[in-house]
């Protein structure tokens, strides 16, 4: 997978040096604008100035469009040579082995003064051009669009299902999942999951909870109220985290992203370590169980907390979740069974292993979030030709009872390789609460029961595997995996 940053380029780049020097081959390469131009309608992801002045070698000054920061200058795709040069770079990436192309911040690609300069039709046409080139020159190469915007705008980059992105980042998931854990209520998450659909079997979601950036909050516009969003902000600020803002056309500012490790975002630092591990793994289990292809951030896999010292030293908020790790002490932590990192890492790996064995976690397997009448429980059903699987997640922080729709076996706590029950001491207590239990149904015998000692009664009938609490990663292959 390669990160293709085509919206902007470093102000120290060779291309930009040629542009400032008025090299005829580069005169239209970067987007400039007169400073008196009314750009108040332009959608801003930052609170910094949109135009940045640069001095040319002859002493003249040019104002260049800088969507994200003064050291990142935006390309101008109105010049055909810019598009051709970018397509040439795209093919070079493929020639070097790239099979997934991540289009960074692609929504801002085309700029027109007097418009929002985001999601413009020309931007979609450029992506369609990239897709057409890749389909012809490198069939099977996938495009992933990274657009940190509200959900309806985000999924527009699927195009018609065949002409733009194969995958889009599922940006609504991180903040909405965060809110659901904080509130102990999965209702909004369940309702949103049931709206997820893609325009063709060739498209799917790229699910994630954390990345090298912050947790974007624009994607929950229209889903969370201002008060609910403020609850997230207050929680993160109390942890020493940061809230980054964007400038609005009326001169005001509004939250753009939360800067905080996802491990800390979903937790109470005063809670026992076991509870913190469980809450975080629950968040990852939901992400890994959803339809689509999951993406695991290295600091999530390693259970990294906020790097407050690193943020202070670097001088920018995103450094809080970008710690540079020393291999030797990291290895020592991972080798210590009781350490936070070791618990997260080993259990995360087990989630992935279990998930890879389940055909129902194919990216295109059917998905439904069931309403069990309990706000604190998320019940996610995934269905493939070979298997139907039910994943249960307890967000409530209190014991819950659910009635399962049929008999099955517990694929999370039964070792499928040996058929033996997993040691109860190794079970993962969801959100720090007692385990979910299911009362006997007249037609389901024997029942699944989870006692206070965290033991599980194994079912004889394997008709519906039940993945309880956390679940693991989607298989991104284009064909169905055979049942284990």
Protein backbone atom coordinates (compact mmCIF):
# COMPACT_ATOMS: atom_id res chain seq x y z
CA UNK A 1 0.00 0.00 0.00
CA UNK A 2 1.39 3.39 -0.98
CA UNK A 3 0.37 6.84 0.21
CA UNK A 4 -0.16 9.03 -2.85
CA UNK A 5 -0.23 12.69 -1.76
CA UNK A 6 -1.43 14.44 -4.88
CA UNK A 7 -3.30 17.40 -3.42
CA UNK A 8 -0.16 19.08 -2.15
CA UNK A 9 3.61 18.85 -2.06
CA UNK A 10 6.44 20.04 0.14
CA UNK A 11 7.40 23.69 -0.26
CA UNK A 12 11.00 22.39 -0.27
CA UNK A 13 10.40 20.09 -3.23
CA UNK A 14 12.22 20.25 -6.55
CA UNK A 15 8.97 20.89 -8.40
CA UNK A 16 8.22 23.92 -6.26
CA UNK A 17 11.75 25.31 -6.70
CA UNK A 18 11.26 25.08 -10.46
CA UNK A 19 7.87 26.77 -10.11
CA UNK A 20 9.28 29.70 -8.11
CA UNK A 21 12.07 30.05 -10.65
CA UNK A 22 9.42 30.43 -13.41
CA UNK A 23 10.65 27.34 -15.25
CA UNK A 24 8.35 27.16 -18.33
CA UNK A 25 7.66 23.46 -17.67
CA UNK A 26 6.33 24.27 -14.19
CA UNK A 27 4.55 27.62 -14.52
CA UNK A 28 1.10 26.09 -13.99
CA UNK A 29 2.11 23.36 -11.57
CA UNK A 30 0.94 25.01 -8.32
CA UNK A 31 -2.27 26.83 -7.45
CA UNK A 32 -1.77 30.55 -6.90
CA UNK A 33 -4.29 33.30 -6.22
CA UNK A 34 -4.31 37.05 -5.79
CA UNK A 35 -4.56 37.91 -2.09
CA UNK A 36 -7.52 40.23 -2.71
CA UNK A 37 -9.64 37.34 -4.09
CA UNK A 38 -12.70 36.49 -2.01
CA UNK A 39 -12.03 32.96 -0.74
CA UNK A 40 -14.47 33.07 2.14
CA UNK A 41 -16.55 30.19 0.75
CA UNK A 42 -13.65 27.76 0.66
CA UNK A 43 -14.03 24.84 3.08
CA UNK A 44 -11.10 24.90 5.48
CA UNK A 45 -9.77 21.87 7.40
CA UNK A 46 -7.44 24.16 9.35
CA UNK A 47 -7.53 27.52 11.11
CA UNK A 48 -4.37 28.69 9.32
CA UNK A 49 -4.32 31.13 6.35
CA UNK A 50 -5.34 29.60 3.02
CA UNK A 51 -2.81 31.59 0.98
CA UNK A 52 0.88 31.71 1.81
CA UNK A 53 3.29 34.25 0.25
CA UNK A 54 6.51 32.95 -1.37
CA UNK A 55 9.27 35.09 -2.82
CA UNK A 56 10.62 34.26 -6.26
CA UNK A 57 14.30 34.59 -7.14
CA UNK A 58 13.53 37.86 -8.96
CA UNK A 59 12.08 39.35 -5.76
CA UNK A 60 8.42 39.15 -6.74
CA UNK A 61 5.91 37.51 -4.42
CA UNK A 62 3.40 34.81 -5.37
CA UNK A 63 0.55 33.71 -3.10
CA UNK A 64 0.12 29.96 -3.20
CA UNK A 65 -2.85 27.92 -2.03
CA UNK A 66 -1.89 25.98 1.13
CA UNK A 67 -4.90 23.99 2.29
CA UNK A 68 -3.20 22.29 5.22
CA UNK A 69 -0.10 24.25 6.21
CA UNK A 70 2.39 26.82 4.92
CA UNK A 71 4.96 24.14 4.11
CA UNK A 72 2.52 22.12 1.97
CA UNK A 73 1.80 23.82 -1.36
CA UNK A 74 -1.20 22.73 -3.44
CA UNK A 75 -0.90 21.44 -6.99
CA UNK A 76 -2.99 22.99 -9.78
CA UNK A 77 -4.80 20.37 -11.80
CA UNK A 78 -6.18 22.96 -14.21
CA UNK A 79 -2.84 22.59 -16.00
CA UNK A 80 -2.94 19.37 -18.06
CA UNK A 81 0.79 18.82 -17.48
CA UNK A 82 0.09 18.54 -13.75
CA UNK A 83 -2.40 15.73 -14.30
CA UNK A 84 -0.08 13.95 -16.73
CA UNK A 85 2.85 14.22 -14.31
CA UNK A 86 0.74 12.84 -11.47
CA UNK A 87 -0.48 9.94 -13.62
CA UNK A 88 3.14 9.23 -14.50
CA UNK A 89 3.97 9.14 -10.77
CA UNK A 90 1.00 6.83 -10.19
CA UNK A 91 2.30 4.36 -12.76
CA UNK A 92 5.77 4.57 -11.26
CA UNK A 93 4.33 3.55 -7.87
CA UNK A 94 2.65 0.57 -9.49
CA UNK A 95 5.87 -0.40 -11.26
CA UNK A 96 7.53 -0.50 -7.85
CA UNK A 97 4.98 -2.97 -6.53
CA UNK A 98 2.18 -0.79 -5.14
CA UNK A 99 -1.12 -2.66 -5.22
CA UNK A 100 -3.19 -0.35 -3.03
CA UNK A 101 -3.04 3.40 -3.65
CA UNK A 102 -4.18 5.68 -0.82
CA UNK A 103 -5.27 9.06 -2.20
CA UNK A 104 -4.51 11.46 0.63
CA UNK A 105 -6.85 14.44 1.22
CA UNK A 106 -8.17 13.99 -2.30
CA UNK A 107 -11.42 15.89 -1.66
CA UNK A 108 -9.59 19.25 -1.94
CA UNK A 109 -7.88 18.50 -5.25
CA UNK A 110 -9.70 21.00 -7.51
CA UNK A 111 -10.03 24.63 -6.42
CA UNK A 112 -12.29 27.35 -7.75
CA UNK A 113 -12.54 30.74 -6.08
CA UNK A 114 -16.09 31.50 -4.95
CA UNK A 115 -16.89 27.84 -4.29
CA UNK A 116 -16.32 25.47 -1.38
CA UNK A 117 -13.41 23.94 -3.33
CA UNK A 118 -14.16 20.53 -1.87
CA UNK A 119 -15.83 17.57 -3.61
CA UNK A 120 -16.01 19.53 -6.88
CA UNK A 121 -17.09 17.52 -9.96
CA UNK A 122 -13.63 18.00 -11.45
CA UNK A 123 -12.09 16.23 -8.45
CA UNK A 124 -14.24 13.18 -9.12
CA UNK A 125 -13.23 13.27 -12.80
CA UNK A 126 -9.54 13.26 -11.86
CA UNK A 127 -10.11 10.21 -9.65
CA UNK A 128 -12.01 8.55 -12.49
CA UNK A 129 -9.02 9.23 -14.75
CA UNK A 130 -6.71 7.57 -12.23
CA UNK A 131 -9.05 4.59 -11.97
CA UNK A 132 -9.22 4.24 -15.77
CA UNK A 133 -5.42 4.34 -16.07
CA UNK A 134 -4.94 1.74 -13.32
CA UNK A 135 -7.65 -0.54 -14.70
CA UNK A 136 -5.93 -0.48 -18.09
CA UNK A 137 -2.28 -0.61 -17.01
CA UNK A 138 -2.42 -2.48 -13.69
CA UNK A 139 -5.69 -4.40 -13.28
CA UNK A 140 -6.34 -5.36 -9.70
CA UNK A 141 -4.67 -2.28 -8.22
CA UNK A 142 -7.02 -0.77 -5.64
CA UNK A 143 -7.76 2.90 -4.92
CA UNK A 144 -8.52 4.00 -1.35
CA UNK A 145 -9.77 7.55 -0.81
CA UNK A 146 -9.01 9.40 2.42
CA UNK A 147 -11.67 12.10 2.90
CA UNK A 148 -12.27 13.22 6.48
CA UNK A 149 -15.78 14.57 5.92
CA UNK A 150 -19.39 13.75 6.88
CA UNK A 151 -20.51 10.25 5.89
CA UNK A 152 -22.75 11.15 2.94
CA UNK A 153 -19.95 13.19 1.37
CA UNK A 154 -17.40 10.48 2.08
CA UNK A 155 -19.18 7.65 0.30
CA UNK A 156 -19.58 9.76 -2.84
CA UNK A 157 -16.04 8.65 -3.67
CA UNK A 158 -17.30 5.18 -4.46
CA UNK A 159 -18.63 6.77 -7.63
CA UNK A 160 -20.97 4.40 -9.42
CA UNK A 161 -19.24 1.43 -7.83
CA UNK A 162 -16.95 0.83 -10.79
CA UNK A 163 -15.30 4.13 -11.75
CA UNK A 164 -13.75 5.69 -8.60
CA UNK A 165 -12.52 4.28 -5.28
CA UNK A 166 -12.60 0.59 -4.45
CA UNK A 167 -12.44 1.46 -0.74
CA UNK A 168 -13.18 4.60 1.28
CA UNK A 169 -11.95 5.32 4.77
CA UNK A 170 -14.85 4.81 7.18
CA UNK A 171 -14.29 8.09 9.01
CA UNK A 172 -17.51 8.05 11.01
CA UNK A 173 -16.53 4.91 12.89
CA UNK A 174 -13.74 6.26 15.18
CA UNK A 175 -15.67 9.15 16.79
CA UNK A 176 -19.02 7.34 16.90
CA UNK A 177 -17.51 4.23 18.47
CA UNK A 178 -15.66 6.45 20.94
CA UNK A 179 -18.91 8.18 21.88
CA UNK A 180 -20.76 4.87 22.26
CA UNK A 181 -18.20 3.54 24.73
CA UNK A 182 -18.16 6.79 26.67
CA UNK A 183 -21.97 6.86 26.84
CA UNK A 184 -22.35 3.11 27.48
CA UNK A 185 -24.99 3.14 24.76
CA UNK A 186 -24.66 1.50 21.32
CA UNK A 187 -27.98 2.79 19.91
CA UNK A 188 -26.56 5.43 17.57
CA UNK A 189 -23.78 3.12 16.49
CA UNK A 190 -26.29 0.36 15.69
CA UNK A 191 -28.53 2.72 13.73
CA UNK A 192 -25.59 4.06 11.73
CA UNK A 193 -24.23 0.57 10.96
CA UNK A 194 -27.58 -0.31 9.42
CA UNK A 195 -27.23 2.57 6.94
CA UNK A 196 -23.90 1.30 5.59
CA UNK A 197 -24.03 0.09 2.03
CA UNK A 198 -21.80 0.17 -1.02
CA UNK A 199 -22.79 0.59 -4.68
CA UNK A 200 -21.24 -2.65 -5.94
CA UNK A 201 -19.52 -5.87 -4.79
CA UNK A 202 -16.27 -4.32 -6.01
CA UNK A 203 -16.41 -1.65 -3.29
CA UNK A 204 -16.16 -1.79 0.47
CA UNK A 205 -15.24 0.25 3.55
CA UNK A 206 -11.74 0.68 4.95
CA UNK A 207 -12.47 0.41 8.67
CA UNK A 208 -10.18 1.94 11.27
CA UNK A 209 -10.24 3.62 14.67
CA UNK A 210 -6.84 5.33 14.77
CA UNK A 211 -4.15 6.59 12.44
CA UNK A 212 -1.16 8.93 12.41
CA UNK A 213 -3.71 11.77 12.33
CA UNK A 214 -6.29 12.62 14.98
CA UNK A 215 -9.86 11.42 15.42
CA UNK A 216 -11.87 13.48 12.96
CA UNK A 217 -15.16 14.80 14.31
CA UNK A 218 -16.73 16.24 11.15
CA UNK A 219 -17.91 12.74 10.15
CA UNK A 220 -20.39 12.67 13.07
CA UNK A 221 -22.09 15.88 11.97
CA UNK A 222 -25.81 15.15 11.94
CA UNK A 223 -25.30 12.04 14.10
CA UNK A 224 -24.11 13.48 17.41
CA UNK A 225 -25.58 16.63 18.93
CA UNK A 226 -23.39 19.56 19.93
CA UNK A 227 -23.69 18.44 23.56
CA UNK A 228 -22.70 14.86 22.74
CA UNK A 229 -19.71 16.04 20.76
CA UNK A 230 -18.67 18.35 23.58
CA UNK A 231 -18.68 15.35 25.90
CA UNK A 232 -15.98 13.76 23.74
CA UNK A 233 -13.93 16.95 23.68
CA UNK A 234 -14.13 17.42 27.45
CA UNK A 235 -13.09 13.82 28.05
CA UNK A 236 -10.02 14.12 25.82
CA UNK A 237 -8.96 17.48 27.24
CA UNK A 238 -9.15 16.05 30.75
CA UNK A 239 -6.66 13.37 29.64
CA UNK A 240 -4.16 15.97 28.45
CA UNK A 241 -5.20 15.57 24.83
CA UNK A 242 -5.89 18.33 22.34
CA UNK A 243 -8.69 19.55 20.08
CA UNK A 244 -7.72 20.97 16.67
CA UNK A 245 -10.05 23.46 14.99
CA UNK A 246 -10.96 24.53 11.49
CA UNK A 247 -11.90 27.97 10.20
CA UNK A 248 -15.48 28.54 8.97
CA UNK A 249 -16.63 30.92 6.25
CA UNK A 250 -18.29 33.21 8.82
CA UNK A 251 -15.00 33.72 10.64
CA UNK A 252 -15.79 31.33 13.48
CA UNK A 253 -13.98 28.10 14.30
CA UNK A 254 -15.29 24.62 15.01
CA UNK A 255 -13.69 21.34 16.10
CA UNK A 256 -12.00 19.38 13.32
CA UNK A 257 -10.21 16.56 15.08
CA UNK A 258 -9.36 15.17 18.50
CA UNK A 259 -5.70 14.51 19.18
CA UNK A 260 -5.46 11.55 21.54
CA UNK A 261 -4.35 7.93 21.52
CA UNK A 262 -7.42 5.73 20.92
CA UNK A 263 -6.29 3.57 23.83
CA UNK A 264 -6.71 6.53 26.16
CA UNK A 265 -9.72 8.05 24.39
CA UNK A 266 -11.97 5.09 25.19
CA UNK A 267 -10.72 4.64 28.75
CA UNK A 268 -10.74 6.09 32.25
CA UNK A 269 -7.09 6.35 33.40
CA UNK A 270 -8.22 5.64 36.98
CA UNK A 271 -9.78 2.30 36.01
CA UNK A 272 -7.93 -0.97 36.72
CA UNK A 273 -5.58 -2.10 33.97
CA UNK A 274 -7.70 -5.15 33.16
CA UNK A 275 -10.71 -2.94 32.52
CA UNK A 276 -8.71 -0.59 30.32
CA UNK A 277 -7.44 -3.50 28.23
CA UNK A 278 -10.97 -4.88 27.88
CA UNK A 279 -12.55 -1.57 26.87
CA UNK A 280 -9.90 -0.93 24.26
CA UNK A 281 -10.16 -4.44 22.83
CA UNK A 282 -13.92 -4.09 22.64
CA UNK A 283 -13.46 -1.00 20.46
CA UNK A 284 -11.08 -2.90 18.21
CA UNK A 285 -13.37 -5.90 18.11
CA UNK A 286 -16.22 -3.80 16.73
CA UNK A 287 -13.95 -2.34 14.07
CA UNK A 288 -12.62 -5.74 13.09
CA UNK A 289 -16.09 -7.32 12.91
CA UNK A 290 -17.66 -4.75 10.59
CA UNK A 291 -18.15 -5.35 6.88
CA UNK A 292 -15.13 -4.08 5.00
CA UNK A 293 -11.36 -4.31 5.27
CA UNK A 294 -9.86 -3.31 8.63
CA UNK A 295 -6.77 -1.18 9.16
CA UNK A 296 -4.83 -1.53 12.40
CA UNK A 297 -2.64 1.39 13.48
CA UNK A 298 0.70 0.28 14.90
CA UNK A 299 0.15 2.19 18.16
CA UNK A 300 -3.21 0.45 18.60
CA UNK A 301 -1.66 -2.97 18.09
CA UNK A 302 1.05 -2.09 20.61
CA UNK A 303 -1.31 -0.50 23.16
CA UNK A 304 0.34 2.93 23.15
CA UNK A 305 -0.88 5.61 25.54
CA UNK A 306 -0.74 9.36 24.91
CA UNK A 307 2.78 10.60 24.28
CA UNK A 308 2.37 13.90 26.10
CA UNK A 309 6.11 14.53 26.34
CA UNK A 310 6.52 13.86 22.64
CA UNK A 311 3.70 16.26 21.79
CA UNK A 312 5.27 18.98 23.91
CA UNK A 313 8.69 18.42 22.41
CA UNK A 314 7.47 18.29 18.81
CA UNK A 315 5.24 21.33 19.24
CA UNK A 316 2.24 20.01 17.32
CA UNK A 317 -0.85 18.11 18.56
CA UNK A 318 -0.70 15.07 16.27
CA UNK A 319 2.60 14.03 17.84
CA UNK A 320 0.56 12.75 20.80
CA UNK A 321 -0.20 9.59 18.80
CA UNK A 322 3.04 9.33 16.81
CA UNK A 323 5.54 8.20 19.44
CA UNK A 324 8.86 6.98 18.06
CA UNK A 325 9.44 3.71 19.89
CA UNK A 326 12.79 2.28 20.94
CA UNK A 327 12.90 -1.39 19.94
CA UNK A 328 14.70 -2.65 23.04
CA UNK A 329 12.34 -1.33 25.76
CA UNK A 330 9.35 -2.07 23.54
CA UNK A 331 10.48 -5.66 23.19
CA UNK A 332 10.93 -5.91 26.94
CA UNK A 333 7.38 -4.67 27.55
CA UNK A 334 5.91 -7.07 25.03
CA UNK A 335 7.82 -9.92 26.65
CA UNK A 336 6.38 -9.10 30.10
CA UNK A 337 3.05 -11.01 30.33
CA UNK A 338 1.39 -8.66 32.80
CA UNK A 339 2.28 -5.42 31.04
CA UNK A 340 -0.40 -3.35 29.35
CA UNK A 341 1.32 -3.58 25.96
CA UNK A 342 1.72 -7.35 26.18
CA UNK A 343 -1.94 -7.90 27.08
CA UNK A 344 -3.18 -5.71 24.25
CA UNK A 345 -0.73 -7.12 21.70
CA UNK A 346 -1.32 -10.80 22.40
CA UNK A 347 -5.09 -10.50 22.61
CA UNK A 348 -5.21 -8.34 19.49
CA UNK A 349 -3.24 -11.01 17.62
CA UNK A 350 -5.67 -13.64 18.84
CA UNK A 351 -8.62 -11.60 17.61
CA UNK A 352 -7.05 -11.42 14.17
CA UNK A 353 -6.29 -15.14 14.15
CA UNK A 354 -9.85 -16.05 15.09
CA UNK A 355 -11.35 -13.66 12.61
CA UNK A 356 -9.30 -14.97 9.71
CA UNK A 357 -10.87 -18.39 10.23
CA UNK A 358 -14.46 -17.09 9.87
CA UNK A 359 -15.92 -16.90 6.33
CA UNK A 360 -18.62 -14.54 7.65
CA UNK A 361 -15.99 -11.82 8.05
CA UNK A 362 -15.42 -11.56 4.31
CA UNK A 363 -15.63 -7.84 3.34
CA UNK A 364 -18.76 -8.46 1.27
CA UNK A 365 -20.55 -10.77 3.72
CA UNK A 366 -23.99 -9.45 4.66
CA UNK A 367 -24.22 -7.32 7.78
CA UNK A 368 -27.01 -6.30 10.15
CA UNK A 369 -26.91 -4.69 13.58
CA UNK A 370 -29.77 -6.30 15.50
CA UNK A 371 -32.00 -4.42 17.94
CA UNK A 372 -32.20 -6.64 21.02
CA UNK A 373 -34.03 -4.00 23.02
CA UNK A 374 -30.90 -3.26 25.09
CA UNK A 375 -29.16 0.03 24.42
CA UNK A 376 -25.92 -1.17 25.98
CA UNK A 377 -25.51 -4.21 23.72
CA UNK A 378 -24.40 -4.19 20.10
CA UNK A 379 -25.34 -7.39 18.27
CA UNK A 380 -23.70 -7.61 14.87
CA UNK A 381 -24.77 -10.39 12.52
CA UNK A 382 -22.52 -11.31 9.58
CA UNK A 383 -23.66 -13.83 7.00
CA UNK A 384 -21.75 -15.68 4.29
CA UNK A 385 -22.80 -18.69 2.20
CA UNK A 386 -20.88 -21.02 4.54
CA UNK A 387 -21.59 -19.38 7.86
CA UNK A 388 -23.72 -16.99 9.90
CA UNK A 389 -21.98 -15.37 12.83
CA UNK A 390 -23.26 -13.21 15.68
CA UNK A 391 -20.87 -10.85 17.46
CA UNK A 392 -22.03 -9.43 20.80
CA UNK A 393 -20.51 -6.37 22.47
CA UNK A 394 -21.46 -5.08 25.91
CA UNK A 395 -20.99 -1.30 26.07
CA UNK A 396 -23.00 -0.83 29.26
CA UNK A 397 -20.50 -1.47 32.02
CA UNK A 398 -23.10 -3.67 33.76
CA UNK A 399 -24.16 -7.32 33.42
CA UNK A 400 -26.46 -7.92 30.44
CA UNK A 401 -28.61 -10.87 29.36
CA UNK A 402 -29.41 -11.49 25.73
CA UNK A 403 -31.45 -14.19 24.05
CA UNK A 404 -29.54 -15.69 21.17
CA UNK A 405 -31.40 -16.43 17.92
CA UNK A 406 -30.54 -20.12 17.74
CA UNK A 407 -27.89 -22.59 18.78
CA UNK A 408 -24.22 -22.39 17.90
CA UNK A 409 -20.70 -22.55 19.24
CA UNK A 410 -18.55 -19.85 20.82
CA UNK A 411 -15.73 -19.21 18.35
CA UNK A 412 -14.07 -16.61 20.54
CA UNK A 413 -13.55 -18.67 23.66
CA UNK A 414 -13.31 -22.16 22.17
CA UNK A 415 -9.97 -23.09 20.70
CA UNK A 416 -10.91 -24.28 17.22
CA UNK A 417 -7.57 -25.98 16.80
CA UNK A 418 -7.97 -28.23 19.85
CA UNK A 419 -11.71 -28.03 20.50
CA UNK A 420 -10.93 -27.20 24.12
CA UNK A 421 -12.43 -24.39 26.17
CA UNK A 422 -10.08 -21.47 26.63
CA UNK A 423 -8.81 -20.96 30.18
CA UNK A 424 -11.38 -18.66 31.88
CA UNK A 425 -8.52 -16.56 33.22
CA UNK A 426 -7.73 -15.58 29.63
CA UNK A 427 -11.24 -14.39 28.79
CA UNK A 428 -11.75 -10.72 28.03
CA UNK A 429 -14.32 -9.02 30.17
CA UNK A 430 -16.08 -6.47 28.01
CA UNK A 431 -15.94 -2.87 29.18
CA UNK A 432 -14.95 -4.08 32.63
CA UNK A 433 -18.38 -5.56 33.24
CA UNK A 434 -19.52 -9.12 33.97
CA UNK A 435 -19.86 -11.20 30.85
CA UNK A 436 -22.95 -11.24 28.68
CA UNK A 437 -25.17 -14.22 29.39
CA UNK A 438 -27.95 -15.80 27.39
CA UNK A 439 -30.92 -17.43 29.12
CA UNK A 440 -32.26 -20.75 27.87
CA UNK A 441 -34.65 -20.67 24.95
CA UNK A 442 -37.20 -23.46 24.71
CA UNK A 443 -35.90 -24.48 21.30
CA UNK A 444 -32.21 -23.95 22.08
CA UNK A 445 -30.67 -26.74 24.10
CA UNK A 446 -28.28 -26.53 25.79
CA UNK A 447 -28.16 -22.79 26.40
CA UNK A 448 -25.06 -20.64 26.21
CA UNK A 449 -24.37 -19.49 29.75
CA UNK A 450 -21.61 -17.30 31.09
CA UNK A 451 -21.15 -17.55 34.83
CA UNK A 452 -19.47 -15.08 37.12
CA UNK A 453 -16.34 -17.19 36.84
CA UNK A 454 -16.30 -16.43 33.12
CA UNK A 455 -16.78 -20.03 32.05
CA UNK A 456 -18.65 -20.92 28.90
CA UNK A 457 -20.78 -24.01 28.23
CA UNK A 458 -19.87 -25.36 24.84
CA UNK A 459 -22.75 -26.01 22.46
CA UNK A 460 -22.98 -29.20 20.46
CA UNK A 461 -24.72 -27.73 17.42
CA UNK A 462 -22.48 -25.55 15.22
CA UNK A 463 -25.32 -23.95 13.27
CA UNK A 464 -24.57 -20.36 14.32
CA UNK A 465 -21.13 -19.50 15.67
CA UNK A 466 -21.36 -16.79 18.28
CA UNK A 467 -18.46 -14.38 18.57
CA UNK A 468 -18.85 -12.75 21.92
CA UNK A 469 -17.32 -9.47 23.11
CA UNK A 470 -14.48 -8.82 20.65
CA UNK A 471 -14.16 -10.09 17.09
CA UNK A 472 -11.39 -9.91 14.54
CA UNK A 473 -10.22 -8.82 11.20
CA UNK A 474 -11.89 -8.97 7.80
CA UNK A 475 -10.25 -11.00 5.10
CA UNK A 476 -9.65 -8.80 2.08
CA UNK A 477 -9.35 -11.55 -0.52
CA UNK A 478 -11.78 -11.38 -3.40
CA UNK A 479 -13.03 -14.93 -2.88
CA UNK A 480 -14.81 -16.62 0.00
CA UNK A 481 -12.55 -18.46 2.40
CA UNK A 482 -13.48 -22.08 2.97
CA UNK A 483 -14.78 -23.06 6.40
CA UNK A 484 -12.09 -24.24 8.82
